[in-house]
Every structure is written in C-alpha cells, then in structure tokens.
Amino acid sequence: MNTAAEQLKISVSPRMAQFIRENVKSGGYTDASEVVADAVRRMRETEAAKKGEVFLTSFEASRSEDERASIRRGMSRGMQDIEEGLYQSYDADGLRSLAEEMVAASARKRAGRAKPK
C-alpha cells in the first residue's frame, strides 16, 4: 500500500473552513487533511454507486474476494449479535481491564510456545 502523501493547496469558503475546524476540534478527525480525505472518499463512493460500481478502500482492494466475503460474513454476524443483544457493554475502566486481561492472556500463550534454550 502506498502511503506517500501529496500536498495540494486548496481554498475553501470561510463556512467550509469553520466546518473543517469544528470537526477537528470535536475530535472526529486529527487534522484538516483527514477531514478532506474522508470527504473525497465519500465522493468516490457516491460516484461509484451512481455507476453501479463498488468502491473499494485501499485496505479492501488489497484483500482477495474470499477475504472480503469472510469479512462481510463476520460483520453480518456481529451486527446480528448486536441486534439480538448478544454483546457486553464496557465503561472506560472495564475496557482497560479487558485490554489488560487480553494482553496477559497473550503473554501467557506466547510463553507457553517459547522453547527452552
């Protein structure tokens, strides 16, 4: 995947500039470039849909059709679980605790696979 960025100088109306700044300030985006990139991605999706095409992100395009189908199935199962109430809610402390448990479990698993020297 090519991650090189090209700089462009663009001009926007004061109203658009304010909208971009508000989106960054609210924490929805890290910077103005991210706001513009998201807008362009959405435009590309809309144009593809008008043509009856499917717009693939660079991540999606780097995957095989089988991998994309597998991801779609997993997402569908996840959405179905949410609709059926089969999920666990966590607050910030609960997420931190869950993350710590997962890291510890991963470390134990790696330690079990380590070969003695």
PDB file of N, CA and C in Angstrom:
ATOM      1  N   MET A   1       0.838  -1.172   0.000  1.00  0.00           N
ATOM      2  CA  MET A   1       0.000   0.000   0.000  1.00  0.00           C
ATOM      3  C   MET A   1       0.882   1.233   0.000  1.00  0.00           C
ATOM      4  N   ASN A   2       0.596   2.175  -0.878  1.00  0.00           N
ATOM      5  CA  ASN A   2       1.360   3.401  -0.972  1.00  0.00           C
ATOM      6  C   ASN A   2       0.809   4.408   0.023  1.00  0.00           C
ATOM      7  N   THR A   3       1.644   4.851   0.979  1.00  0.00           N
ATOM      8  CA  THR A   3       1.180   5.796   1.985  1.00  0.00           C
ATOM      9  C   THR A   3       1.754   7.182   1.766  1.00  0.00           C
ATOM     10  N   ALA A   4       2.450   7.391   0.644  1.00  0.00           N
ATOM     11  CA  ALA A   4       3.003   8.707   0.360  1.00  0.00           C
ATOM     12  C   ALA A   4       1.870   9.698   0.174  1.00  0.00           C
ATOM     13  N   ALA A   5       2.078  10.894   0.684  1.00  0.00           N
ATOM     14  CA  ALA A   5       1.051  11.929   0.574  1.00  0.00           C
ATOM     15  C   ALA A   5       1.548  13.027  -0.357  1.00  0.00           C
ATOM     16  N   GLU A   6       0.637  13.554  -1.113  1.00  0.00           N
ATOM     17  CA  GLU A   6       0.951  14.677  -1.987  1.00  0.00           C
ATOM     18  C   GLU A   6       0.265  15.907  -1.418  1.00  0.00           C
ATOM     19  N   GLN A   7       0.994  16.982  -1.304  1.00  0.00           N
ATOM     20  CA  GLN A   7       0.412  18.207  -0.772  1.00  0.00           C
ATOM     21  C   GLN A   7      -0.265  18.991  -1.882  1.00  0.00           C
ATOM     22  N   LEU A   8      -1.448  19.478  -1.587  1.00  0.00           N
ATOM     23  CA  LEU A   8      -2.197  20.319  -2.502  1.00  0.00           C
ATOM     24  C   LEU A   8      -2.568  21.597  -1.765  1.00  0.00           C
ATOM     25  N   LYS A   9      -2.579  22.678  -2.467  1.00  0.00           N
ATOM     26  CA  LYS A   9      -3.052  23.927  -1.884  1.00  0.00           C
ATOM     27  C   LYS A   9      -4.486  24.107  -2.356  1.00  0.00           C
ATOM     28  N   ILE A  10      -5.421  24.184  -1.398  1.00  0.00           N
ATOM     29  CA  ILE A  10      -6.818  24.355  -1.760  1.00  0.00           C
ATOM     30  C   ILE A  10      -7.373  25.583  -1.051  1.00  0.00           C
ATOM     31  N   SER A  11      -8.401  26.139  -1.617  1.00  0.00           N
ATOM     32  CA  SER A  11      -9.111  27.258  -0.999  1.00  0.00           C
ATOM     33  C   SER A  11     -10.545  26.831  -0.754  1.00  0.00           C
ATOM     34  N   VAL A  12     -11.059  27.158   0.413  1.00  0.00           N
ATOM     35  CA  VAL A  12     -12.444  26.852   0.748  1.00  0.00           C
ATOM     36  C   VAL A  12     -13.098  28.104   1.305  1.00  0.00           C
ATOM     37  N   SER A  13     -14.398  28.111   1.281  1.00  0.00           N
ATOM     38  CA  SER A  13     -15.122  29.257   1.825  1.00  0.00           C
ATOM     39  C   SER A  13     -14.917  29.321   3.341  1.00  0.00           C
ATOM     40  N   PRO A  14     -15.115  30.493   3.936  1.00  0.00           N
ATOM     41  CA  PRO A  14     -14.995  30.590   5.394  1.00  0.00           C
ATOM     42  C   PRO A  14     -15.933  29.606   6.118  1.00  0.00           C
ATOM     43  N   ARG A  15     -17.105  29.391   5.551  1.00  0.00           N
ATOM     44  CA  ARG A  15     -18.064  28.461   6.157  1.00  0.00           C
ATOM     45  C   ARG A  15     -17.526  27.025   6.136  1.00  0.00           C
ATOM     46  N   MET A  16     -16.928  26.625   5.008  1.00  0.00           N
ATOM     47  CA  MET A  16     -16.337  25.283   4.928  1.00  0.00           C
ATOM     48  C   MET A  16     -15.145  25.164   5.873  1.00  0.00           C
ATOM     49  N   ALA A  17     -14.321  26.208   5.927  1.00  0.00           N
ATOM     50  CA  ALA A  17     -13.149  26.189   6.812  1.00  0.00           C
ATOM     51  C   ALA A  17     -13.587  26.016   8.261  1.00  0.00           C
ATOM     52  N   GLN A  18     -14.631  26.729   8.649  1.00  0.00           N
ATOM     53  CA  GLN A  18     -15.152  26.621  10.014  1.00  0.00           C
ATOM     54  C   GLN A  18     -15.662  25.204  10.277  1.00  0.00           C
ATOM     55  N   PHE A  19     -16.347  24.634   9.306  1.00  0.00           N
ATOM     56  CA  PHE A  19     -16.858  23.268   9.432  1.00  0.00           C
ATOM     57  C   PHE A  19     -15.699  22.282   9.640  1.00  0.00           C
ATOM     58  N   ILE A  20     -14.642  22.445   8.855  1.00  0.00           N
ATOM     59  CA  ILE A  20     -13.473  21.567   8.984  1.00  0.00           C
ATOM     60  C   ILE A  20     -12.854  21.727  10.362  1.00  0.00           C
ATOM     61  N   ARG A  21     -12.648  22.977  10.796  1.00  0.00           N
ATOM     62  CA  ARG A  21     -12.053  23.219  12.125  1.00  0.00           C
ATOM     63  C   ARG A  21     -12.913  22.623  13.236  1.00  0.00           C
ATOM     64  N   GLU A  22     -14.228  22.752  13.124  1.00  0.00           N
ATOM     65  CA  GLU A  22     -15.129  22.198  14.149  1.00  0.00           C
ATOM     66  C   GLU A  22     -15.015  20.677  14.217  1.00  0.00           C
ATOM     67  N   ASN A  23     -14.884  20.012  13.061  1.00  0.00           N
ATOM     68  CA  ASN A  23     -14.748  18.560  13.054  1.00  0.00           C
ATOM     69  C   ASN A  23     -13.442  18.116  13.689  1.00  0.00           C
ATOM     70  N   VAL A  24     -12.382  18.872  13.472  1.00  0.00           N
ATOM     71  CA  VAL A  24     -11.099  18.549  14.099  1.00  0.00           C
ATOM     72  C   VAL A  24     -11.187  18.813  15.598  1.00  0.00           C
ATOM     73  N   LYS A  25     -11.736  19.965  15.965  1.00  0.00           N
ATOM     74  CA  LYS A  25     -11.835  20.344  17.382  1.00  0.00           C
ATOM     75  C   LYS A  25     -12.682  19.347  18.176  1.00  0.00           C
ATOM     76  N   SER A  26     -13.729  18.820  17.555  1.00  0.00           N
ATOM     77  CA  SER A  26     -14.616  17.878  18.253  1.00  0.00           C
ATOM     78  C   SER A  26     -13.954  16.518  18.471  1.00  0.00           C
ATOM     79  N   GLY A  27     -12.809  16.304  17.828  1.00  0.00           N
ATOM     80  CA  GLY A  27     -12.106  15.032  17.997  1.00  0.00           C
ATOM     81  C   GLY A  27     -12.490  13.996  16.950  1.00  0.00           C
ATOM     82  N   GLY A  28     -13.346  14.367  16.016  1.00  0.00           N
ATOM     83  CA  GLY A  28     -13.745  13.424  14.979  1.00  0.00           C
ATOM     84  C   GLY A  28     -12.623  13.120  14.003  1.00  0.00           C
ATOM     85  N   TYR A  29     -11.701  14.056  13.873  1.00  0.00           N
ATOM     86  CA  TYR A  29     -10.565  13.909  12.968  1.00  0.00           C
ATOM     87  C   TYR A  29      -9.331  14.488  13.650  1.00  0.00           C
ATOM     88  N   THR A  30      -8.157  14.028  13.241  1.00  0.00           N
ATOM     89  CA  THR A  30      -6.934  14.531  13.858  1.00  0.00           C
ATOM     90  C   THR A  30      -6.460  15.836  13.236  1.00  0.00           C
ATOM     91  N   ASP A  31      -6.781  16.067  11.959  1.00  0.00           N
ATOM     92  CA  ASP A  31      -6.377  17.309  11.300  1.00  0.00           C
ATOM     93  C   ASP A  31      -7.245  17.565  10.078  1.00  0.00           C
ATOM     94  N   ALA A  32      -7.055  18.734   9.479  1.00  0.00           N
ATOM     95  CA  ALA A  32      -7.875  19.138   8.335  1.00  0.00           C
ATOM     96  C   ALA A  32      -7.703  18.181   7.156  1.00  0.00           C
ATOM     97  N   SER A  33      -6.500  17.654   6.964  1.00  0.00           N
ATOM     98  CA  SER A  33      -6.268  16.722   5.857  1.00  0.00           C
ATOM     99  C   SER A  33      -7.142  15.490   5.983  1.00  0.00           C
ATOM    100  N   GLU A  34      -7.325  15.019   7.210  1.00  0.00           N
ATOM    101  CA  GLU A  34      -8.155  13.842   7.431  1.00  0.00           C
ATOM    102  C   GLU A  34      -9.617  14.135   7.074  1.00  0.00           C
ATOM    103  N   VAL A  35     -10.090  15.340   7.391  1.00  0.00           N
ATOM    104  CA  VAL A  35     -11.460  15.728   7.052  1.00  0.00           C
ATOM    105  C   VAL A  35     -11.642  15.717   5.533  1.00  0.00           C
ATOM    106  N   VAL A  36     -10.691  16.341   4.824  1.00  0.00           N
ATOM    107  CA  VAL A  36     -10.777  16.420   3.367  1.00  0.00           C
ATOM    108  C   VAL A  36     -10.677  15.019   2.755  1.00  0.00           C
ATOM    109  N   ALA A  37      -9.766  14.188   3.264  1.00  0.00           N
ATOM    110  CA  ALA A  37      -9.616  12.831   2.737  1.00  0.00           C
ATOM    111  C   ALA A  37     -10.909  12.036   2.900  1.00  0.00           C
ATOM    112  N   ASP A  38     -11.579  12.196   4.056  1.00  0.00           N
ATOM    113  CA  ASP A  38     -12.837  11.494   4.277  1.00  0.00           C
ATOM    114  C   ASP A  38     -13.898  11.989   3.298  1.00  0.00           C
ATOM    115  N   ALA A  39     -13.928  13.287   3.072  1.00  0.00           N
ATOM    116  CA  ALA A  39     -14.901  13.845   2.119  1.00  0.00           C
ATOM    117  C   ALA A  39     -14.659  13.303   0.710  1.00  0.00           C
ATOM    118  N   VAL A  40     -13.405  13.222   0.304  1.00  0.00           N
ATOM    119  CA  VAL A  40     -13.083  12.712  -1.037  1.00  0.00           C
ATOM    120  C   VAL A  40     -13.442  11.230  -1.137  1.00  0.00           C
ATOM    121  N   ARG A  41     -13.164  10.439  -0.087  1.00  0.00           N
ATOM    122  CA  ARG A  41     -13.551   9.014  -0.087  1.00  0.00           C
ATOM    123  C   ARG A  41     -15.059   8.875  -0.267  1.00  0.00           C
ATOM    124  N   ARG A  42     -15.807   9.707   0.442  1.00  0.00           N
ATOM    125  CA  ARG A  42     -17.266   9.636   0.332  1.00  0.00           C
ATOM    126  C   ARG A  42     -17.733  10.024  -1.064  1.00  0.00           C
ATOM    127  N   MET A  43     -17.089  11.014  -1.653  1.00  0.00           N
ATOM    128  CA  MET A  43     -17.429  11.401  -3.029  1.00  0.00           C
ATOM    129  C   MET A  43     -17.165  10.246  -3.979  1.00  0.00           C
ATOM    130  N   ARG A  44     -16.024   9.565  -3.790  1.00  0.00           N
ATOM    131  CA  ARG A  44     -15.687   8.436  -4.659  1.00  0.00           C
ATOM    132  C   ARG A  44     -16.702   7.311  -4.497  1.00  0.00           C
ATOM    133  N   GLU A  45     -17.129   7.052  -3.254  1.00  0.00           N
ATOM    134  CA  GLU A  45     -18.147   6.025  -3.016  1.00  0.00           C
ATOM    135  C   GLU A  45     -19.446   6.385  -3.719  1.00  0.00           C
ATOM    136  N   THR A  46     -19.849   7.644  -3.615  1.00  0.00           N
ATOM    137  CA  THR A  46     -21.089   8.098  -4.247  1.00  0.00           C
ATOM    138  C   THR A  46     -21.008   7.961  -5.760  1.00  0.00           C
ATOM    139  N   GLU A  47     -19.894   8.377  -6.346  1.00  0.00           N
ATOM    140  CA  GLU A  47     -19.726   8.273  -7.797  1.00  0.00           C
ATOM    141  C   GLU A  47     -19.749   6.820  -8.252  1.00  0.00           C
ATOM    142  N   ALA A  48     -19.078   5.949  -7.494  1.00  0.00           N
ATOM    143  CA  ALA A  48     -19.071   4.524  -7.843  1.00  0.00           C
ATOM    144  C   ALA A  48     -20.486   3.957  -7.775  1.00  0.00           C
ATOM    145  N   ALA A  49     -21.231   4.336  -6.728  1.00  0.00           N
ATOM    146  CA  ALA A  49     -22.601   3.836  -6.578  1.00  0.00           C
ATOM    147  C   ALA A  49     -23.488   4.302  -7.729  1.00  0.00           C
ATOM    148  N   LYS A  50     -23.313   5.535  -8.174  1.00  0.00           N
ATOM    149  CA  LYS A  50     -24.102   6.050  -9.300  1.00  0.00           C
ATOM    150  C   LYS A  50     -23.840   5.249 -10.569  1.00  0.00           C
ATOM    151  N   LYS A  51     -22.612   4.749 -10.710  1.00  0.00           N
ATOM    152  CA  LYS A  51     -22.241   3.959 -11.883  1.00  0.00           C
ATOM    153  C   LYS A  51     -22.552   2.477 -11.688  1.00  0.00           C
ATOM    154  N   GLY A  52     -23.090   2.134 -10.523  1.00  0.00           N
ATOM    155  CA  GLY A  52     -23.383   0.737 -10.241  1.00  0.00           C
ATOM    156  C   GLY A  52     -22.135  -0.050  -9.890  1.00  0.00           C
ATOM    157  N   GLU A  53     -21.082   0.644  -9.516  1.00  0.00           N
ATOM    158  CA  GLU A  53     -19.823   0.003  -9.146  1.00  0.00           C
ATOM    159  C   GLU A  53     -19.693  -0.033  -7.630  1.00  0.00           C
ATOM    160  N   VAL A  54     -18.728  -0.790  -7.172  1.00  0.00           N
ATOM    161  CA  VAL A  54     -18.428  -0.842  -5.750  1.00  0.00           C
ATOM    162  C   VAL A  54     -17.080  -0.181  -5.539  1.00  0.00           C
ATOM    163  N   PHE A  55     -17.049   0.811  -4.660  1.00  0.00           N
ATOM    164  CA  PHE A  55     -15.798   1.493  -4.345  1.00  0.00           C
ATOM    165  C   PHE A  55     -15.085   0.711  -3.259  1.00  0.00           C
ATOM    166  N   LEU A  56     -13.840   0.349  -3.497  1.00  0.00           N
ATOM    167  CA  LEU A  56     -13.056  -0.375  -2.508  1.00  0.00           C
ATOM    168  C   LEU A  56     -12.000   0.556  -1.929  1.00  0.00           C
ATOM    169  N   THR A  57     -11.890   0.556  -0.613  1.00  0.00           N
ATOM    170  CA  THR A  57     -10.794   1.289   0.018  1.00  0.00           C
ATOM    171  C   THR A  57      -9.500   0.567  -0.320  1.00  0.00           C
ATOM    172  N   SER A  58      -8.373   1.202  -0.051  1.00  0.00           N
ATOM    173  CA  SER A  58      -7.093   0.545  -0.340  1.00  0.00           C
ATOM    174  C   SER A  58      -6.957  -0.738   0.476  1.00  0.00           C
ATOM    175  N   PHE A  59      -7.506  -0.754   1.701  1.00  0.00           N
ATOM    176  CA  PHE A  59      -7.471  -1.968   2.514  1.00  0.00           C
ATOM    177  C   PHE A  59      -8.269  -3.068   1.830  1.00  0.00           C
ATOM    178  N   GLU A  60      -9.483  -2.731   1.406  1.00  0.00           N
ATOM    179  CA  GLU A  60     -10.337  -3.723   0.762  1.00  0.00           C
ATOM    180  C   GLU A  60      -9.728  -4.220  -0.544  1.00  0.00           C
ATOM    181  N   ALA A  61      -9.174  -3.300  -1.307  1.00  0.00           N
ATOM    182  CA  ALA A  61      -8.600  -3.672  -2.601  1.00  0.00           C
ATOM    183  C   ALA A  61      -7.393  -4.593  -2.436  1.00  0.00           C
ATOM    184  N   SER A  62      -6.739  -4.512  -1.270  1.00  0.00           N
ATOM    185  CA  SER A  62      -5.567  -5.353  -1.047  1.00  0.00           C
ATOM    186  C   SER A  62      -5.948  -6.769  -0.615  1.00  0.00           C
ATOM    187  N   ARG A  63      -7.233  -7.034  -0.424  1.00  0.00           N
ATOM    188  CA  ARG A  63      -7.711  -8.339   0.007  1.00  0.00           C
ATOM    189  C   ARG A  63      -8.338  -9.087  -1.165  1.00  0.00           C
ATOM    190  N   SER A  64      -8.294 -10.411  -1.083  1.00  0.00           N
ATOM    191  CA  SER A  64      -8.935 -11.224  -2.122  1.00  0.00           C
ATOM    192  C   SER A  64     -10.445 -11.182  -1.930  1.00  0.00           C
ATOM    193  N   GLU A  65     -11.167 -11.601  -2.941  1.00  0.00           N
ATOM    194  CA  GLU A  65     -12.638 -11.632  -2.833  1.00  0.00           C
ATOM    195  C   GLU A  65     -13.055 -12.564  -1.700  1.00  0.00           C
ATOM    196  N   ASP A  66     -12.355 -13.683  -1.515  1.00  0.00           N
ATOM    197  CA  ASP A  66     -12.682 -14.605  -0.426  1.00  0.00           C
ATOM    198  C   ASP A  66     -12.498 -13.926   0.927  1.00  0.00           C
ATOM    199  N   GLU A  67     -11.392 -13.152   1.072  1.00  0.00           N
ATOM    200  CA  GLU A  67     -11.155 -12.446   2.334  1.00  0.00           C
ATOM    201  C   GLU A  67     -12.227 -11.386   2.571  1.00  0.00           C
ATOM    202  N   ARG A  68     -12.583 -10.655   1.515  1.00  0.00           N
ATOM    203  CA  ARG A  68     -13.626  -9.638   1.659  1.00  0.00           C
ATOM    204  C   ARG A  68     -14.954 -10.285   2.030  1.00  0.00           C
ATOM    205  N   ALA A  69     -15.276 -11.428   1.415  1.00  0.00           N
ATOM    206  CA  ALA A  69     -16.516 -12.136   1.732  1.00  0.00           C
ATOM    207  C   ALA A  69     -16.502 -12.605   3.186  1.00  0.00           C
ATOM    208  N   SER A  70     -15.355 -13.082   3.642  1.00  0.00           N
ATOM    209  CA  SER A  70     -15.224 -13.528   5.026  1.00  0.00           C
ATOM    210  C   SER A  70     -15.426 -12.363   5.995  1.00  0.00           C
ATOM    211  N   ILE A  71     -14.850 -11.223   5.663  1.00  0.00           N
ATOM    212  CA  ILE A  71     -15.020 -10.029   6.499  1.00  0.00           C
ATOM    213  C   ILE A  71     -16.488  -9.617   6.530  1.00  0.00           C
ATOM    214  N   ARG A  72     -17.143  -9.632   5.366  1.00  0.00           N
ATOM    215  CA  ARG A  72     -18.568  -9.269   5.314  1.00  0.00           C
ATOM    216  C   ARG A  72     -19.405 -10.222   6.160  1.00  0.00           C
ATOM    217  N   ARG A  73     -19.094 -11.532   6.096  1.00  0.00           N
ATOM    218  CA  ARG A  73     -19.840 -12.510   6.907  1.00  0.00           C
ATOM    219  C   ARG A  73     -19.632 -12.233   8.392  1.00  0.00           C
ATOM    220  N   GLY A  74     -18.396 -11.947   8.765  1.00  0.00           N
ATOM    221  CA  GLY A  74     -18.112 -11.641  10.169  1.00  0.00           C
ATOM    222  C   GLY A  74     -18.837 -10.387  10.640  1.00  0.00           C
ATOM    223  N   MET A  75     -18.867  -9.387   9.778  1.00  0.00           N
ATOM    224  CA  MET A  75     -19.575  -8.161  10.133  1.00  0.00           C
ATOM    225  C   MET A  75     -21.074  -8.417  10.261  1.00  0.00           C
ATOM    226  N   SER A  76     -21.629  -9.211   9.369  1.00  0.00           N
ATOM    227  CA  SER A  76     -23.055  -9.545   9.441  1.00  0.00           C
ATOM    228  C   SER A  76     -23.378 -10.284  10.729  1.00  0.00           C
ATOM    229  N   ARG A  77     -22.507 -11.255  11.083  1.00  0.00           N
ATOM    230  CA  ARG A  77     -22.719 -11.993  12.340  1.00  0.00           C
ATOM    231  C   ARG A  77     -22.658 -11.036  13.524  1.00  0.00           C
ATOM    232  N   GLY A  78     -21.688 -10.122  13.491  1.00  0.00           N
ATOM    233  CA  GLY A  78     -21.560  -9.152  14.581  1.00  0.00           C
ATOM    234  C   GLY A  78     -22.776  -8.256  14.698  1.00  0.00           C
ATOM    235  N   MET A  79     -23.274  -7.777  13.569  1.00  0.00           N
ATOM    236  CA  MET A  79     -24.461  -6.920  13.588  1.00  0.00           C
ATOM    237  C   MET A  79     -25.670  -7.702  14.096  1.00  0.00           C
ATOM    238  N   GLN A  80     -25.787  -8.957  13.686  1.00  0.00           N
ATOM    239  CA  GLN A  80     -26.891  -9.783  14.150  1.00  0.00           C
ATOM    240  C   GLN A  80     -26.798  -9.980  15.666  1.00  0.00           C
ATOM    241  N   ASP A  81     -25.585 -10.234  16.168  1.00  0.00           N
ATOM    242  CA  ASP A  81     -25.400 -10.391  17.613  1.00  0.00           C
ATOM    243  C   ASP A  81     -25.828  -9.124  18.352  1.00  0.00           C
ATOM    244  N   ILE A  82     -25.457  -7.959  17.818  1.00  0.00           N
ATOM    245  CA  ILE A  82     -25.837  -6.698  18.453  1.00  0.00           C
ATOM    246  C   ILE A  82     -27.352  -6.551  18.467  1.00  0.00           C
ATOM    247  N   GLU A  83     -27.983  -6.833  17.334  1.00  0.00           N
ATOM    248  CA  GLU A  83     -29.445  -6.730  17.249  1.00  0.00           C
ATOM    249  C   GLU A  83     -30.135  -7.674  18.228  1.00  0.00           C
ATOM    250  N   GLU A  84     -29.516  -8.823  18.496  1.00  0.00           N
ATOM    251  CA  GLU A  84     -30.095  -9.806  19.411  1.00  0.00           C
ATOM    252  C   GLU A  84     -29.663  -9.578  20.856  1.00  0.00           C
ATOM    253  N   GLY A  85     -28.890  -8.525  21.088  1.00  0.00           N
ATOM    254  CA  GLY A  85     -28.452  -8.210  22.447  1.00  0.00           C
ATOM    255  C   GLY A  85     -27.325  -9.085  22.952  1.00  0.00           C
ATOM    256  N   LEU A  86     -26.637  -9.768  22.046  1.00  0.00           N
ATOM    257  CA  LEU A  86     -25.552 -10.665  22.440  1.00  0.00           C
ATOM    258  C   LEU A  86     -24.214  -9.924  22.436  1.00  0.00           C
ATOM    259  N   TYR A  87     -24.068  -9.000  23.354  1.00  0.00           N
ATOM    260  CA  TYR A  87     -22.824  -8.244  23.470  1.00  0.00           C
ATOM    261  C   TYR A  87     -22.643  -7.806  24.911  1.00  0.00           C
ATOM    262  N   GLN A  88     -21.456  -7.389  25.240  1.00  0.00           N
ATOM    263  CA  GLN A  88     -21.128  -6.922  26.583  1.00  0.00           C
ATOM    264  C   GLN A  88     -20.781  -5.447  26.509  1.00  0.00           C
ATOM    265  N   SER A  89     -21.383  -4.629  27.336  1.00  0.00           N
ATOM    266  CA  SER A  89     -21.062  -3.198  27.397  1.00  0.00           C
ATOM    267  C   SER A  89     -19.945  -2.982  28.409  1.00  0.00           C
ATOM    268  N   TYR A  90     -19.048  -2.053  28.094  1.00  0.00           N
ATOM    269  CA  TYR A  90     -17.941  -1.722  28.981  1.00  0.00           C
ATOM    270  C   TYR A  90     -17.843  -0.216  29.130  1.00  0.00           C
ATOM    271  N   ASP A  91     -17.517   0.233  30.339  1.00  0.00           N
ATOM    272  CA  ASP A  91     -17.159   1.635  30.513  1.00  0.00           C
ATOM    273  C   ASP A  91     -15.645   1.724  30.332  1.00  0.00           C
ATOM    274  N   ALA A  92     -15.063   2.894  30.501  1.00  0.00           N
ATOM    275  CA  ALA A  92     -13.622   3.060  30.265  1.00  0.00           C
ATOM    276  C   ALA A  92     -12.795   2.136  31.154  1.00  0.00           C
ATOM    277  N   ASP A  93     -13.154   2.028  32.427  1.00  0.00           N
ATOM    278  CA  ASP A  93     -12.403   1.148  33.327  1.00  0.00           C
ATOM    279  C   ASP A  93     -12.549  -0.310  32.913  1.00  0.00           C
ATOM    280  N   GLY A  94     -13.752  -0.686  32.491  1.00  0.00           N
ATOM    281  CA  GLY A  94     -13.988  -2.058  32.052  1.00  0.00           C
ATOM    282  C   GLY A  94     -13.183  -2.394  30.803  1.00  0.00           C
ATOM    283  N   LEU A  95     -13.095  -1.431  29.866  1.00  0.00           N
ATOM    284  CA  LEU A  95     -12.293  -1.651  28.652  1.00  0.00           C
ATOM    285  C   LEU A  95     -10.816  -1.786  28.998  1.00  0.00           C
ATOM    286  N   ARG A  96     -10.356  -0.944  29.918  1.00  0.00           N
ATOM    287  CA  ARG A  96      -8.951  -1.022  30.331  1.00  0.00           C
ATOM    288  C   ARG A  96      -8.667  -2.384  30.955  1.00  0.00           C
ATOM    289  N   SER A  97      -9.567  -2.840  31.806  1.00  0.00           N
ATOM    290  CA  SER A  97      -9.404  -4.141  32.453  1.00  0.00           C
ATOM    291  C   SER A  97      -9.426  -5.269  31.429  1.00  0.00           C
ATOM    292  N   LEU A  98     -10.349  -5.195  30.474  1.00  0.00           N
ATOM    293  CA  LEU A  98     -10.425  -6.209  29.420  1.00  0.00           C
ATOM    294  C   LEU A  98      -9.135  -6.233  28.603  1.00  0.00           C
ATOM    295  N   ALA A  99      -8.629  -5.060  28.242  1.00  0.00           N
ATOM    296  CA  ALA A  99      -7.393  -4.984  27.471  1.00  0.00           C
ATOM    297  C   ALA A  99      -6.235  -5.599  28.257  1.00  0.00           C
ATOM    298  N   GLU A 100      -6.159  -5.304  29.545  1.00  0.00           N
ATOM    299  CA  GLU A 100      -5.100  -5.878  30.384  1.00  0.00           C
ATOM    300  C   GLU A 100      -5.201  -7.395  30.436  1.00  0.00           C
ATOM    301  N   GLU A 101      -6.420  -7.907  30.551  1.00  0.00           N
ATOM    302  CA  GLU A 101      -6.627  -9.360  30.561  1.00  0.00           C
ATOM    303  C   GLU A 101      -6.183  -9.988  29.242  1.00  0.00           C
ATOM    304  N   MET A 102      -6.514  -9.338  28.140  1.00  0.00           N
ATOM    305  CA  MET A 102      -6.149  -9.873  26.827  1.00  0.00           C
ATOM    306  C   MET A 102      -4.630  -9.862  26.638  1.00  0.00           C
ATOM    307  N   VAL A 103      -3.965  -8.805  27.076  1.00  0.00           N
ATOM    308  CA  VAL A 103      -2.504  -8.732  26.970  1.00  0.00           C
ATOM    309  C   VAL A 103      -1.866  -9.827  27.822  1.00  0.00           C
ATOM    310  N   ALA A 104      -2.374 -10.002  29.035  1.00  0.00           N
ATOM    311  CA  ALA A 104      -1.826 -11.040  29.916  1.00  0.00           C
ATOM    312  C   ALA A 104      -2.040 -12.426  29.322  1.00  0.00           C
ATOM    313  N   ALA A 105      -3.228 -12.684  28.769  1.00  0.00           N
ATOM    314  CA  ALA A 105      -3.505 -13.986  28.159  1.00  0.00           C
ATOM    315  C   ALA A 105      -2.590 -14.224  26.960  1.00  0.00           C
ATOM    316  N   SER A 106      -2.362 -13.190  26.177  1.00  0.00           N
ATOM    317  CA  SER A 106      -1.470 -13.310  25.022  1.00  0.00           C
ATOM    318  C   SER A 106      -0.041 -13.606  25.476  1.00  0.00           C
ATOM    319  N   ALA A 107       0.397 -12.944  26.537  1.00  0.00           N
ATOM    320  CA  ALA A 107       1.745 -13.174  27.053  1.00  0.00           C
ATOM    321  C   ALA A 107       1.887 -14.604  27.562  1.00  0.00           C
ATOM    322  N   ARG A 108       0.857 -15.098  28.252  1.00  0.00           N
ATOM    323  CA  ARG A 108       0.897 -16.488  28.738  1.00  0.00           C
ATOM    324  C   ARG A 108       0.960 -17.465  27.565  1.00  0.00           C
ATOM    325  N   LYS A 109       0.201 -17.182  26.529  1.00  0.00           N
ATOM    326  CA  LYS A 109       0.189 -18.058  25.350  1.00  0.00           C
ATOM    327  C   LYS A 109       1.556 -18.062  24.679  1.00  0.00           C
ATOM    328  N   ARG A 110       2.158 -16.868  24.516  1.00  0.00           N
ATOM    329  CA  ARG A 110       3.499 -16.791  23.909  1.00  0.00           C
ATOM    330  C   ARG A 110       4.520 -17.510  24.771  1.00  0.00           C
ATOM    331  N   ALA A 111       4.418 -17.351  26.080  1.00  0.00           N
ATOM    332  CA  ALA A 111       5.372 -18.005  26.994  1.00  0.00           C
ATOM    333  C   ALA A 111       5.252 -19.514  26.888  1.00  0.00           C
ATOM    334  N   GLY A 112       4.040 -20.010  26.704  1.00  0.00           N
ATOM    335  CA  GLY A 112       3.824 -21.455  26.567  1.00  0.00           C
ATOM    336  C   GLY A 112       4.410 -22.012  25.291  1.00  0.00           C
ATOM    337  N   ARG A 113       4.534 -21.174  24.277  1.00  0.00           N
ATOM    338  CA  ARG A 113       5.100 -21.615  22.993  1.00  0.00           C
ATOM    339  C   ARG A 113       6.610 -21.451  22.934  1.00  0.00           C
ATOM    340  N   ALA A 114       7.149 -20.665  23.886  1.00  0.00           N
ATOM    341  CA  ALA A 114       8.591 -20.416  23.871  1.00  0.00           C
ATOM    342  C   ALA A 114       9.327 -21.715  24.142  1.00  0.00           C
ATOM    343  N   LYS A 115      10.351 -21.962  23.343  1.00  0.00           N
ATOM    344  CA  LYS A 115      11.134 -23.178  23.512  1.00  0.00           C
ATOM    345  C   LYS A 115      12.305 -22.901  24.452  1.00  0.00           C
ATOM    346  N   PRO A 116      12.529 -23.794  25.398  1.00  0.00           N
ATOM    347  CA  PRO A 116      13.673 -23.607  26.303  1.00  0.00           C
ATOM    348  C   PRO A 116      14.976 -23.684  25.532  1.00  0.00           C
ATOM    349  N   LYS A 117      15.938 -22.894  25.966  1.00  0.00           N
ATOM    350  CA  LYS A 117      17.236 -22.865  25.271  1.00  0.00           C
ATOM    351  C   LYS A 117      18.206 -23.806  25.903  1.00  0.00           C
TER     352      LYS A 117
END
